[in-house]
Amino acid sequence: MITKKDVEHIGWLARIKLSDEEKEEFTTQLNSILDYFAKLDEIDPNVAPTHHVSGVVNVFRDDAVKESLDQKDVLQNAPKKEEGFFKGPRIV
């Protein structure tokens, strides 16, 4: 359980000034978070983890070798080309 003194210490570590109302509020909120973790601890550890609830799996197509495009056809719509290659802007 988190006490008001614990919240004061956390505020001091974070260099945050907390009013008495905020200390009470944060004490309640932090305790409710810890209660939730206690509920999670009650879960049966022998249950297998669920990665996908819906059971959907990736569907991949088989790799198939195909004829590649001709270099002339590939460079047909290139804005700039030089010696059979794409030409890009100078980087340096």
N, C-alpha and C. Protein backbone atom coordinates (compact mmCIF):
# COMPACT_ATOMS: atom_id res chain seq x y z
N MET A 1 0.84 -1.19 0.00
CA MET A 1 0.00 0.00 0.00
C MET A 1 0.87 1.25 0.00
N ILE A 2 0.47 2.22 -0.77
CA ILE A 2 1.16 3.51 -0.83
C ILE A 2 0.53 4.41 0.22
N THR A 3 1.37 5.05 0.99
CA THR A 3 0.88 5.98 2.01
C THR A 3 1.08 7.41 1.54
N LYS A 4 0.49 8.32 2.26
CA LYS A 4 0.63 9.74 1.95
C LYS A 4 2.10 10.15 2.05
N LYS A 5 2.81 9.54 3.00
CA LYS A 5 4.23 9.84 3.17
C LYS A 5 5.03 9.38 1.94
N ASP A 6 4.65 8.24 1.36
CA ASP A 6 5.31 7.77 0.13
C ASP A 6 5.10 8.75 -1.01
N VAL A 7 3.88 9.26 -1.12
CA VAL A 7 3.58 10.23 -2.18
C VAL A 7 4.38 11.50 -1.96
N GLU A 8 4.52 11.93 -0.73
CA GLU A 8 5.33 13.12 -0.43
C GLU A 8 6.78 12.88 -0.85
N HIS A 9 7.29 11.69 -0.57
CA HIS A 9 8.67 11.37 -0.94
C HIS A 9 8.84 11.35 -2.46
N ILE A 10 7.87 10.78 -3.16
CA ILE A 10 7.92 10.76 -4.63
C ILE A 10 7.89 12.18 -5.18
N GLY A 11 7.04 13.02 -4.60
CA GLY A 11 6.99 14.42 -5.01
C GLY A 11 8.31 15.13 -4.74
N TRP A 12 8.94 14.82 -3.61
CA TRP A 12 10.23 15.44 -3.29
C TRP A 12 11.29 14.99 -4.28
N LEU A 13 11.29 13.69 -4.65
CA LEU A 13 12.26 13.18 -5.62
C LEU A 13 12.07 13.82 -6.99
N ALA A 14 10.80 14.06 -7.35
CA ALA A 14 10.50 14.67 -8.65
C ALA A 14 10.57 16.20 -8.59
N ARG A 15 10.84 16.73 -7.41
CA ARG A 15 10.91 18.18 -7.18
C ARG A 15 9.60 18.86 -7.59
N ILE A 16 8.50 18.25 -7.12
CA ILE A 16 7.16 18.77 -7.39
C ILE A 16 6.50 19.08 -6.05
N LYS A 17 5.97 20.29 -5.93
CA LYS A 17 5.22 20.64 -4.72
C LYS A 17 3.79 20.15 -4.90
N LEU A 18 3.34 19.36 -3.94
CA LEU A 18 1.99 18.81 -3.99
C LEU A 18 1.16 19.36 -2.84
N SER A 19 -0.07 19.73 -3.15
CA SER A 19 -0.99 20.17 -2.11
C SER A 19 -1.50 18.94 -1.36
N ASP A 20 -2.14 19.15 -0.22
CA ASP A 20 -2.69 18.04 0.55
C ASP A 20 -3.75 17.28 -0.25
N GLU A 21 -4.55 18.02 -1.04
CA GLU A 21 -5.57 17.37 -1.87
C GLU A 21 -4.92 16.48 -2.93
N GLU A 22 -3.85 16.97 -3.55
CA GLU A 22 -3.16 16.18 -4.56
C GLU A 22 -2.51 14.94 -3.94
N LYS A 23 -1.97 15.08 -2.74
CA LYS A 23 -1.36 13.92 -2.08
C LYS A 23 -2.40 12.85 -1.82
N GLU A 24 -3.58 13.25 -1.38
CA GLU A 24 -4.66 12.29 -1.14
C GLU A 24 -5.10 11.63 -2.45
N GLU A 25 -5.24 12.46 -3.48
CA GLU A 25 -5.69 11.95 -4.78
C GLU A 25 -4.67 10.95 -5.36
N PHE A 26 -3.39 11.32 -5.31
CA PHE A 26 -2.35 10.43 -5.86
C PHE A 26 -2.20 9.16 -5.03
N THR A 27 -2.42 9.25 -3.73
CA THR A 27 -2.37 8.07 -2.89
C THR A 27 -3.46 7.09 -3.31
N THR A 28 -4.65 7.59 -3.54
CA THR A 28 -5.77 6.75 -3.98
C THR A 28 -5.49 6.15 -5.35
N GLN A 29 -5.00 6.98 -6.28
CA GLN A 29 -4.74 6.51 -7.65
C GLN A 29 -3.63 5.45 -7.67
N LEU A 30 -2.56 5.70 -6.96
CA LEU A 30 -1.45 4.73 -6.95
C LEU A 30 -1.87 3.42 -6.29
N ASN A 31 -2.68 3.49 -5.25
CA ASN A 31 -3.17 2.26 -4.63
C ASN A 31 -4.09 1.48 -5.56
N SER A 32 -4.89 2.18 -6.36
CA SER A 32 -5.76 1.46 -7.30
C SER A 32 -4.92 0.79 -8.40
N ILE A 33 -3.82 1.41 -8.78
CA ILE A 33 -2.92 0.80 -9.76
C ILE A 33 -2.29 -0.46 -9.17
N LEU A 34 -1.85 -0.38 -7.93
CA LEU A 34 -1.27 -1.55 -7.28
C LEU A 34 -2.30 -2.66 -7.10
N ASP A 35 -3.56 -2.30 -6.84
CA ASP A 35 -4.62 -3.30 -6.73
C ASP A 35 -4.81 -4.02 -8.06
N TYR A 36 -4.71 -3.28 -9.16
CA TYR A 36 -4.84 -3.89 -10.48
C TYR A 36 -3.70 -4.88 -10.72
N PHE A 37 -2.48 -4.51 -10.33
CA PHE A 37 -1.35 -5.44 -10.47
C PHE A 37 -1.56 -6.68 -9.61
N ALA A 38 -2.17 -6.52 -8.48
CA ALA A 38 -2.45 -7.68 -7.62
C ALA A 38 -3.44 -8.62 -8.32
N LYS A 39 -4.41 -8.05 -9.05
CA LYS A 39 -5.34 -8.88 -9.81
C LYS A 39 -4.61 -9.64 -10.91
N LEU A 40 -3.65 -8.98 -11.55
CA LEU A 40 -2.89 -9.65 -12.60
C LEU A 40 -2.06 -10.80 -12.04
N ASP A 41 -1.62 -10.66 -10.80
CA ASP A 41 -0.85 -11.73 -10.16
C ASP A 41 -1.70 -12.97 -9.90
N GLU A 42 -3.03 -12.83 -9.89
CA GLU A 42 -3.92 -13.94 -9.64
C GLU A 42 -4.13 -14.82 -10.87
N ILE A 43 -3.67 -14.37 -12.03
CA ILE A 43 -3.86 -15.12 -13.27
C ILE A 43 -3.06 -16.41 -13.20
N ASP A 44 -3.65 -17.49 -13.74
CA ASP A 44 -2.99 -18.79 -13.76
C ASP A 44 -1.74 -18.71 -14.63
N PRO A 45 -0.57 -19.00 -14.08
CA PRO A 45 0.67 -18.89 -14.86
C PRO A 45 0.81 -19.96 -15.94
N ASN A 46 -0.04 -20.99 -15.91
CA ASN A 46 0.05 -22.07 -16.89
C ASN A 46 -0.73 -21.79 -18.17
N VAL A 47 -1.39 -20.64 -18.25
CA VAL A 47 -2.13 -20.29 -19.45
C VAL A 47 -1.15 -19.82 -20.50
N ALA A 48 -1.28 -20.36 -21.70
CA ALA A 48 -0.37 -19.99 -22.79
C ALA A 48 -0.63 -18.56 -23.23
N PRO A 49 0.42 -17.82 -23.56
CA PRO A 49 0.22 -16.44 -24.01
C PRO A 49 -0.52 -16.40 -25.35
N THR A 50 -1.32 -15.38 -25.51
CA THR A 50 -2.09 -15.20 -26.74
C THR A 50 -1.48 -14.05 -27.53
N HIS A 51 -0.99 -14.37 -28.71
CA HIS A 51 -0.40 -13.33 -29.54
C HIS A 51 -1.45 -12.68 -30.44
N HIS A 52 -2.32 -13.51 -31.01
CA HIS A 52 -3.41 -13.00 -31.84
C HIS A 52 -4.69 -13.67 -31.38
N VAL A 53 -5.62 -12.87 -30.96
CA VAL A 53 -6.88 -13.40 -30.47
C VAL A 53 -7.71 -13.99 -31.61
N SER A 54 -7.64 -13.37 -32.78
CA SER A 54 -8.48 -13.80 -33.90
C SER A 54 -7.91 -15.00 -34.64
N GLY A 55 -6.66 -15.37 -34.41
CA GLY A 55 -6.07 -16.51 -35.09
C GLY A 55 -5.64 -16.24 -36.52
N VAL A 56 -5.59 -14.97 -36.90
CA VAL A 56 -5.19 -14.61 -38.25
C VAL A 56 -3.69 -14.85 -38.40
N VAL A 57 -3.31 -15.43 -39.52
CA VAL A 57 -1.90 -15.67 -39.80
C VAL A 57 -1.53 -14.96 -41.10
N ASN A 58 -0.25 -14.70 -41.28
CA ASN A 58 0.21 -14.07 -42.51
C ASN A 58 0.10 -15.06 -43.66
N VAL A 59 -0.34 -14.56 -44.79
CA VAL A 59 -0.44 -15.40 -45.97
C VAL A 59 0.57 -14.85 -46.97
N PHE A 60 1.55 -15.66 -47.29
CA PHE A 60 2.60 -15.25 -48.22
C PHE A 60 2.44 -16.02 -49.53
N ARG A 61 2.75 -15.38 -50.61
CA ARG A 61 2.74 -16.07 -51.89
C ARG A 61 4.06 -16.80 -52.06
N ASP A 62 4.05 -17.81 -52.86
CA ASP A 62 5.28 -18.53 -53.17
C ASP A 62 6.17 -17.66 -54.05
N ASP A 63 7.46 -17.74 -53.83
CA ASP A 63 8.40 -17.02 -54.69
C ASP A 63 8.42 -17.71 -56.04
N ALA A 64 8.28 -16.91 -57.07
CA ALA A 64 8.30 -17.45 -58.43
C ALA A 64 9.29 -16.64 -59.25
N VAL A 65 10.13 -17.34 -59.98
CA VAL A 65 11.11 -16.68 -60.83
C VAL A 65 10.39 -16.18 -62.07
N LYS A 66 10.61 -14.90 -62.39
CA LYS A 66 9.98 -14.30 -63.56
C LYS A 66 11.06 -13.64 -64.41
N GLU A 67 10.72 -13.41 -65.63
CA GLU A 67 11.62 -12.71 -66.55
C GLU A 67 11.72 -11.26 -66.10
N SER A 68 12.92 -10.72 -66.01
CA SER A 68 13.09 -9.32 -65.59
C SER A 68 12.84 -8.39 -66.77
N LEU A 69 12.65 -7.12 -66.46
CA LEU A 69 12.41 -6.12 -67.50
C LEU A 69 13.70 -5.79 -68.23
N ASP A 70 13.55 -5.39 -69.46
CA ASP A 70 14.70 -4.96 -70.25
C ASP A 70 15.20 -3.61 -69.73
N GLN A 71 16.50 -3.40 -69.73
CA GLN A 71 17.10 -2.16 -69.20
C GLN A 71 16.55 -0.94 -69.92
N LYS A 72 16.36 -1.04 -71.21
CA LYS A 72 15.83 0.09 -71.99
C LYS A 72 14.43 0.45 -71.53
N ASP A 73 13.60 -0.57 -71.26
CA ASP A 73 12.22 -0.32 -70.81
C ASP A 73 12.19 0.30 -69.41
N VAL A 74 13.09 -0.14 -68.57
CA VAL A 74 13.14 0.37 -67.19
C VAL A 74 13.52 1.84 -67.20
N LEU A 75 14.50 2.21 -68.01
CA LEU A 75 14.99 3.59 -68.04
C LEU A 75 14.14 4.51 -68.91
N GLN A 76 13.13 3.97 -69.53
CA GLN A 76 12.30 4.74 -70.46
C GLN A 76 11.71 6.00 -69.82
N ASN A 77 11.19 5.93 -68.60
CA ASN A 77 10.54 7.08 -67.95
C ASN A 77 11.42 7.75 -66.90
N ALA A 78 12.68 7.40 -66.83
CA ALA A 78 13.58 8.01 -65.85
C ALA A 78 13.84 9.46 -66.24
N PRO A 79 13.75 10.39 -65.27
CA PRO A 79 13.98 11.79 -65.62
C PRO A 79 15.43 12.05 -66.02
N LYS A 80 16.38 11.33 -65.42
CA LYS A 80 17.79 11.48 -65.77
C LYS A 80 18.42 10.10 -65.81
N LYS A 81 19.21 9.85 -66.84
CA LYS A 81 19.91 8.58 -66.95
C LYS A 81 21.27 8.84 -67.58
N GLU A 82 22.21 7.96 -67.27
CA GLU A 82 23.55 8.12 -67.81
C GLU A 82 24.20 6.74 -67.92
N GLU A 83 24.67 6.40 -69.08
CA GLU A 83 25.37 5.15 -69.36
C GLU A 83 24.59 3.92 -68.89
N GLY A 84 23.27 3.94 -69.10
CA GLY A 84 22.45 2.79 -68.78
C GLY A 84 22.04 2.69 -67.31
N PHE A 85 22.23 3.76 -66.51
CA PHE A 85 21.87 3.76 -65.10
C PHE A 85 20.99 4.97 -64.79
N PHE A 86 20.26 4.90 -63.66
CA PHE A 86 19.54 6.07 -63.17
C PHE A 86 20.57 7.06 -62.66
N LYS A 87 20.34 8.34 -62.95
CA LYS A 87 21.26 9.37 -62.44
C LYS A 87 20.51 10.19 -61.39
N GLY A 88 21.11 10.26 -60.20
CA GLY A 88 20.49 11.02 -59.11
C GLY A 88 21.24 12.31 -58.88
N PRO A 89 20.70 13.17 -58.01
CA PRO A 89 21.38 14.43 -57.73
C PRO A 89 22.67 14.20 -56.96
N ARG A 90 23.58 15.10 -57.10
CA ARG A 90 24.85 15.02 -56.38
C ARG A 90 24.61 15.29 -54.90
N ILE A 91 25.17 14.47 -54.05
CA ILE A 91 24.92 14.56 -52.61
C ILE A 91 25.93 15.46 -51.92
N VAL A 92 27.15 15.46 -52.33
CA VAL A 92 28.21 16.16 -51.61
C VAL A 92 28.18 17.63 -51.84
